Amino acid sequence: IETTLPNIGDRWLNLKLPIHEDENKRATITK
């Protein structure tokens, strides 16, 4: 949650987004 609270720290760095390795597949997903 975007906020100005100082206790967020670096927790956003723990996110791992599933991104397909195939560039064509990524383009298809984007569309």
All heavy atoms as atom14 arrays in JSON, in Angstrom:
{
  "sequence": "IETTLPNIGDRWLNLKLPIHEDENKRATITK",
  "atom14_mask": [
    [1, 1, 1, 1, 1, 1, 1, 1, 0, 0, 0, 0, 0, 0],
    [1, 1, 1, 1, 1, 1, 1, 1, 1, 0, 0, 0, 0, 0],
    [1, 1, 1, 1, 1, 1, 1, 0, 0, 0, 0, 0, 0, 0],
    [1, 1, 1, 1, 1, 1, 1, 0, 0, 0, 0, 0, 0, 0],
    [1, 1, 1, 1, 1, 1, 1, 1, 0, 0, 0, 0, 0, 0],
    [1, 1, 1, 1, 1, 1, 1, 0, 0, 0, 0, 0, 0, 0],
    [1, 1, 1, 1, 1, 1, 1, 1, 0, 0, 0, 0, 0, 0],
    [1, 1, 1, 1, 1, 1, 1, 1, 0, 0, 0, 0, 0, 0],
    [1, 1, 1, 1, 0, 0, 0, 0, 0, 0, 0, 0, 0, 0],
    [1, 1, 1, 1, 1, 1, 1, 1, 0, 0, 0, 0, 0, 0],
    [1, 1, 1, 1, 1, 1, 1, 1, 1, 1, 1, 0, 0, 0],
    [1, 1, 1, 1, 1, 1, 1, 1, 1, 1, 1, 1, 1, 1],
    [1, 1, 1, 1, 1, 1, 1, 1, 0, 0, 0, 0, 0, 0],
    [1, 1, 1, 1, 1, 1, 1, 1, 0, 0, 0, 0, 0, 0],
    [1, 1, 1, 1, 1, 1, 1, 1, 0, 0, 0, 0, 0, 0],
    [1, 1, 1, 1, 1, 1, 1, 1, 1, 0, 0, 0, 0, 0],
    [1, 1, 1, 1, 1, 1, 1, 1, 0, 0, 0, 0, 0, 0],
    [1, 1, 1, 1, 1, 1, 1, 0, 0, 0, 0, 0, 0, 0],
    [1, 1, 1, 1, 1, 1, 1, 1, 0, 0, 0, 0, 0, 0],
    [1, 1, 1, 1, 1, 1, 1, 1, 1, 1, 0, 0, 0, 0],
    [1, 1, 1, 1, 1, 1, 1, 1, 1, 0, 0, 0, 0, 0],
    [1, 1, 1, 1, 1, 1, 1, 1, 0, 0, 0, 0, 0, 0],
    [1, 1, 1, 1, 1, 1, 1, 1, 1, 0, 0, 0, 0, 0],
    [1, 1, 1, 1, 1, 1, 1, 1, 0, 0, 0, 0, 0, 0],
    [1, 1, 1, 1, 1, 1, 1, 1, 1, 0, 0, 0, 0, 0],
    [1, 1, 1, 1, 1, 1, 1, 1, 1, 1, 1, 0, 0, 0],
    [1, 1, 1, 1, 1, 0, 0, 0, 0, 0, 0, 0, 0, 0],
    [1, 1, 1, 1, 1, 1, 1, 0, 0, 0, 0, 0, 0, 0],
    [1, 1, 1, 1, 1, 1, 1, 1, 0, 0, 0, 0, 0, 0],
    [1, 1, 1, 1, 1, 1, 1, 0, 0, 0, 0, 0, 0, 0],
    [1, 1, 1, 1, 1, 1, 1, 1, 1, 0, 0, 0, 0, 0]
  ],
  "atom14_positions": [
    [[0.86, -1.17, 0.0], [0.0, 0.0, 0.0], [0.9, 1.22, 0.0], [1.76, 1.37, 0.87], [-0.92, 0.01, 1.24], [-1.81, -1.23, 1.24], [-1.74, 1.28, 1.28], [-2.61, -1.41, 2.5], [0.0, 0.0, 0.0], [0.0, 0.0, 0.0], [0.0, 0.0, 0.0], [0.0, 0.0, 0.0], [0.0, 0.0, 0.0], [0.0, 0.0, 0.0]],
    [[0.71, 2.08, -1.01], [1.52, 3.29, -1.08], [1.12, 4.21, 0.06], [-0.05, 4.55, 0.23], [1.31, 3.97, -2.42], [2.22, 5.16, -2.6], [2.05, 5.81, -3.95], [1.38, 5.25, -4.81], [2.6, 6.9, -4.12], [0.0, 0.0, 0.0], [0.0, 0.0, 0.0], [0.0, 0.0, 0.0], [0.0, 0.0, 0.0], [0.0, 0.0, 0.0]],
    [[2.06, 4.59, 0.81], [1.79, 5.43, 1.97], [3.04, 6.2, 2.32], [4.12, 5.92, 1.83], [1.3, 4.58, 3.16], [1.06, 5.44, 4.27], [2.34, 3.55, 3.55], [0.0, 0.0, 0.0], [0.0, 0.0, 0.0], [0.0, 0.0, 0.0], [0.0, 0.0, 0.0], [0.0, 0.0, 0.0], [0.0, 0.0, 0.0], [0.0, 0.0, 0.0]],
    [[2.91, 7.15, 3.2], [4.08, 7.91, 3.62], [4.64, 7.38, 4.94], [5.57, 7.96, 5.48], [3.71, 9.4, 3.79], [2.65, 9.51, 4.74], [3.3, 10.0, 2.47], [0.0, 0.0, 0.0], [0.0, 0.0, 0.0], [0.0, 0.0, 0.0], [0.0, 0.0, 0.0], [0.0, 0.0, 0.0], [0.0, 0.0, 0.0], [0.0, 0.0, 0.0]],
    [[4.07, 6.29, 5.43], [4.55, 5.74, 6.69], [6.0, 5.27, 6.55], [6.35, 4.59, 5.58], [3.67, 4.58, 7.14], [2.23, 4.94, 7.49], [1.45, 3.68, 7.83], [2.19, 5.92, 8.64], [0.0, 0.0, 0.0], [0.0, 0.0, 0.0], [0.0, 0.0, 0.0], [0.0, 0.0, 0.0], [0.0, 0.0, 0.0], [0.0, 0.0, 0.0]],
    [[6.83, 5.59, 7.5], [8.24, 5.23, 7.38], [8.53, 3.75, 7.63], [9.62, 3.28, 7.37], [8.9, 6.09, 8.47], [7.83, 6.32, 9.46], [6.54, 6.38, 8.68], [0.0, 0.0, 0.0], [0.0, 0.0, 0.0], [0.0, 0.0, 0.0], [0.0, 0.0, 0.0], [0.0, 0.0, 0.0], [0.0, 0.0, 0.0], [0.0, 0.0, 0.0]],
    [[7.54, 2.98, 8.11], [7.81, 1.59, 8.47], [7.74, 0.63, 7.28], [7.89, -0.57, 7.45], [6.88, 1.12, 9.58], [5.42, 1.16, 9.17], [5.09, 1.6, 8.08], [4.57, 0.7, 10.05], [0.0, 0.0, 0.0], [0.0, 0.0, 0.0], [0.0, 0.0, 0.0], [0.0, 0.0, 0.0], [0.0, 0.0, 0.0], [0.0, 0.0, 0.0]],
    [[7.49, 1.12, 6.07], [7.46, 0.23, 4.91], [8.86, -0.3, 4.62], [9.02, -1.45, 4.27], [6.88, 0.97, 3.68], [5.4, 1.18, 3.88], [7.16, 0.19, 2.41], [4.74, 1.92, 2.76], [0.0, 0.0, 0.0], [0.0, 0.0, 0.0], [0.0, 0.0, 0.0], [0.0, 0.0, 0.0], [0.0, 0.0, 0.0], [0.0, 0.0, 0.0]],
    [[9.84, 0.55, 4.79], [11.21, 0.13, 4.59], [11.43, -0.41, 3.19], [11.0, 0.16, 2.21], [0.0, 0.0, 0.0], [0.0, 0.0, 0.0], [0.0, 0.0, 0.0], [0.0, 0.0, 0.0], [0.0, 0.0, 0.0], [0.0, 0.0, 0.0], [0.0, 0.0, 0.0], [0.0, 0.0, 0.0], [0.0, 0.0, 0.0], [0.0, 0.0, 0.0]],
    [[12.1, -1.54, 3.12], [12.43, -2.16, 1.83], [11.58, -3.39, 1.54], [11.97, -4.23, 0.74], [13.91, -2.54, 1.8], [14.82, -1.33, 1.76], [14.38, -0.29, 1.24], [15.96, -1.43, 2.23], [0.0, 0.0, 0.0], [0.0, 0.0, 0.0], [0.0, 0.0, 0.0], [0.0, 0.0, 0.0], [0.0, 0.0, 0.0], [0.0, 0.0, 0.0]],
    [[10.42, -3.51, 2.19], [9.59, -4.7, 1.96], [9.15, -4.85, 0.52], [8.96, -5.95, 0.04], [8.36, -4.67, 2.88], [8.69, -5.03, 4.31], [7.45, -5.12, 5.12], [7.0, -3.75, 5.38], [5.78, -3.43, 5.74], [4.88, -4.34, 5.89], [5.46, -2.18, 5.97], [0.0, 0.0, 0.0], [0.0, 0.0, 0.0], [0.0, 0.0, 0.0]],
    [[9.02, -3.74, -0.21], [8.62, -3.84, -1.61], [9.66, -4.58, -2.43], [9.36, -5.15, -3.47], [8.36, -2.45, -2.18], [9.59, -1.58, -2.25], [10.08, -0.78, -1.27], [10.47, -1.46, -3.35], [11.22, -0.16, -1.69], [11.49, -0.57, -2.97], [10.51, -2.03, -4.62], [12.53, -0.22, -3.82], [11.56, -1.67, -5.45], [12.54, -0.78, -5.06]],
    [[10.9, -4.63, -1.95], [11.95, -5.35, -2.67], [11.75, -6.86, -2.63], [12.37, -7.59, -3.4], [13.33, -5.0, -2.08], [13.76, -3.54, -2.26], [15.03, -3.26, -1.46], [13.98, -3.23, -3.73], [0.0, 0.0, 0.0], [0.0, 0.0, 0.0], [0.0, 0.0, 0.0], [0.0, 0.0, 0.0], [0.0, 0.0, 0.0], [0.0, 0.0, 0.0]],
    [[10.89, -7.35, -1.73], [10.63, -8.79, -1.62], [9.67, -9.3, -2.67], [9.48, -10.51, -2.8], [10.07, -9.12, -0.23], [11.09, -8.89, 0.86], [12.28, -9.07, 0.65], [10.64, -8.48, 2.03], [0.0, 0.0, 0.0], [0.0, 0.0, 0.0], [0.0, 0.0, 0.0], [0.0, 0.0, 0.0], [0.0, 0.0, 0.0], [0.0, 0.0, 0.0]],
    [[9.04, -8.41, -3.41], [8.11, -8.84, -4.44], [8.86, -9.5, -5.59], [9.87, -9.0, -6.06], [7.32, -7.65, -4.99], [6.23, -7.09, -4.1], [5.63, -5.86, -4.76], [5.16, -8.13, -3.85], [0.0, 0.0, 0.0], [0.0, 0.0, 0.0], [0.0, 0.0, 0.0], [0.0, 0.0, 0.0], [0.0, 0.0, 0.0], [0.0, 0.0, 0.0]],
    [[8.31, -10.61, -6.04], [8.85, -11.3, -7.2], [7.71, -11.45, -8.19], [6.76, -12.18, -7.95], [9.42, -12.66, -6.81], [10.64, -12.53, -5.93], [11.24, -13.86, -5.6], [12.43, -13.65, -4.69], [12.97, -14.89, -4.18], [0.0, 0.0, 0.0], [0.0, 0.0, 0.0], [0.0, 0.0, 0.0], [0.0, 0.0, 0.0], [0.0, 0.0, 0.0]],
    [[7.8, -10.71, -9.28], [6.74, -10.72, -10.28], [7.0, -11.81, -11.31], [8.13, -11.95, -11.78], [6.64, -9.36, -10.97], [6.39, -8.19, -10.02], [6.41, -6.88, -10.81], [5.08, -8.35, -9.3], [0.0, 0.0, 0.0], [0.0, 0.0, 0.0], [0.0, 0.0, 0.0], [0.0, 0.0, 0.0], [0.0, 0.0, 0.0], [0.0, 0.0, 0.0]],
    [[5.96, -12.57, -11.64], [6.13, -13.63, -12.64], [6.21, -13.03, -14.04], [5.23, -12.52, -14.56], [4.88, -14.48, -12.46], [3.87, -13.53, -11.94], [4.62, -12.52, -11.11], [0.0, 0.0, 0.0], [0.0, 0.0, 0.0], [0.0, 0.0, 0.0], [0.0, 0.0, 0.0], [0.0, 0.0, 0.0], [0.0, 0.0, 0.0], [0.0, 0.0, 0.0]],
    [[7.39, -13.06, -14.62], [7.6, -12.53, -15.96], [8.08, -13.67, -16.85], [9.09, -14.32, -16.56], [8.61, -11.38, -15.95], [8.09, -10.23, -15.07], [8.91, -10.89, -17.36], [9.06, -9.12, -14.85], [0.0, 0.0, 0.0], [0.0, 0.0, 0.0], [0.0, 0.0, 0.0], [0.0, 0.0, 0.0], [0.0, 0.0, 0.0], [0.0, 0.0, 0.0]],
    [[7.35, -13.91, -17.92], [7.68, -15.0, -18.83], [9.03, -14.74, -19.5], [9.35, -13.62, -19.85], [6.58, -15.16, -19.88], [6.5, -16.53, -20.45], [7.38, -16.98, -21.38], [5.65, -17.56, -20.19], [7.08, -18.23, -21.71], [6.03, -18.59, -20.99], [0.0, 0.0, 0.0], [0.0, 0.0, 0.0], [0.0, 0.0, 0.0], [0.0, 0.0, 0.0]],
    [[9.8, -15.79, -19.71], [11.12, -15.65, -20.33], [11.03, -15.32, -21.82], [11.9, -14.64, -22.36], [11.92, -16.94, -20.15], [12.28, -17.23, -18.71], [13.02, -18.55, -18.55], [13.29, -19.22, -19.57], [13.33, -18.9, -17.41], [0.0, 0.0, 0.0], [0.0, 0.0, 0.0], [0.0, 0.0, 0.0], [0.0, 0.0, 0.0], [0.0, 0.0, 0.0]],
    [[9.99, -15.8, -22.49], [9.84, -15.6, -23.93], [9.28, -14.21, -24.21], [8.19, -13.86, -23.77], [8.9, -16.68, -24.48], [8.7, -16.59, -25.98], [9.2, -15.63, -26.62], [8.03, -17.49, -26.53], [0.0, 0.0, 0.0], [0.0, 0.0, 0.0], [0.0, 0.0, 0.0], [0.0, 0.0, 0.0], [0.0, 0.0, 0.0], [0.0, 0.0, 0.0]],
    [[10.02, -13.42, -24.99], [9.6, -12.05, -25.29], [8.28, -12.01, -26.04], [7.45, -11.14, -25.8], [10.69, -11.35, -26.11], [10.41, -9.9, -26.36], [11.54, -9.19, -27.08], [12.67, -9.73, -27.1], [11.29, -8.11, -27.63], [0.0, 0.0, 0.0], [0.0, 0.0, 0.0], [0.0, 0.0, 0.0], [0.0, 0.0, 0.0], [0.0, 0.0, 0.0]],
    [[8.06, -12.95, -26.95], [6.8, -13.0, -27.7], [5.62, -13.28, -26.77], [4.55, -12.72, -26.93], [6.86, -14.04, -28.81], [7.83, -13.65, -29.9], [7.98, -12.47, -30.21], [8.51, -14.62, -30.48], [0.0, 0.0, 0.0], [0.0, 0.0, 0.0], [0.0, 0.0, 0.0], [0.0, 0.0, 0.0], [0.0, 0.0, 0.0], [0.0, 0.0, 0.0]],
    [[5.84, -14.18, -25.83], [4.78, -14.5, -24.86], [4.47, -13.29, -23.99], [3.31, -13.0, -23.7], [5.2, -15.7, -24.01], [4.12, -16.24, -23.13], [3.02, -16.85, -23.96], [2.05, -17.59, -23.05], [0.92, -18.13, -23.78], [0.0, 0.0, 0.0], [0.0, 0.0, 0.0], [0.0, 0.0, 0.0], [0.0, 0.0, 0.0], [0.0, 0.0, 0.0]],
    [[5.51, -12.54, -23.59], [5.28, -11.32, -22.8], [4.46, -10.31, -23.59], [3.56, -9.68, -23.04], [6.62, -10.7, -22.38], [7.35, -11.44, -21.28], [8.46, -10.63, -20.65], [9.38, -10.03, -21.6], [10.55, -10.54, -21.97], [10.95, -11.7, -21.46], [11.34, -9.91, -22.81], [0.0, 0.0, 0.0], [0.0, 0.0, 0.0], [0.0, 0.0, 0.0]],
    [[4.76, -10.18, -24.88], [4.0, -9.26, -25.73], [2.55, -9.69, -25.83], [1.63, -8.86, -25.77], [4.63, -9.16, -27.11], [0.0, 0.0, 0.0], [0.0, 0.0, 0.0], [0.0, 0.0, 0.0], [0.0, 0.0, 0.0], [0.0, 0.0, 0.0], [0.0, 0.0, 0.0], [0.0, 0.0, 0.0], [0.0, 0.0, 0.0], [0.0, 0.0, 0.0]],
    [[2.32, -10.99, -25.97], [0.96, -11.52, -26.03], [0.21, -11.24, -24.73], [-0.95, -10.79, -24.74], [0.98, -13.03, -26.31], [1.62, -13.26, -27.56], [-0.42, -13.62, -26.32], [0.0, 0.0, 0.0], [0.0, 0.0, 0.0], [0.0, 0.0, 0.0], [0.0, 0.0, 0.0], [0.0, 0.0, 0.0], [0.0, 0.0, 0.0], [0.0, 0.0, 0.0]],
    [[0.86, -11.48, -23.61], [0.24, -11.24, -22.3], [-0.08, -9.76, -22.16], [-1.16, -9.39, -21.67], [1.16, -11.73, -21.16], [1.28, -13.26, -21.21], [0.68, -11.25, -19.8], [2.37, -13.83, -20.33], [0.0, 0.0, 0.0], [0.0, 0.0, 0.0], [0.0, 0.0, 0.0], [0.0, 0.0, 0.0], [0.0, 0.0, 0.0], [0.0, 0.0, 0.0]],
    [[0.84, -8.89, -22.58], [0.61, -7.45, -22.51], [-0.62, -7.05, -23.3], [-1.47, -6.29, -22.81], [1.85, -6.69, -23.03], [2.97, -7.0, -22.19], [1.63, -5.19, -23.04], [0.0, 0.0, 0.0], [0.0, 0.0, 0.0], [0.0, 0.0, 0.0], [0.0, 0.0, 0.0], [0.0, 0.0, 0.0], [0.0, 0.0, 0.0], [0.0, 0.0, 0.0]],
    [[-0.75, -7.56, -24.52], [-1.91, -7.25, -25.35], [-3.2, -7.75, -24.7], [-4.22, -7.05, -24.72], [-1.76, -7.88, -26.74], [-0.74, -7.2, -27.6], [-0.61, -7.91, -28.93], [0.55, -7.36, -29.73], [0.78, -8.1, -30.98], [0.0, 0.0, 0.0], [0.0, 0.0, 0.0], [0.0, 0.0, 0.0], [0.0, 0.0, 0.0], [0.0, 0.0, 0.0]]
  ]
}
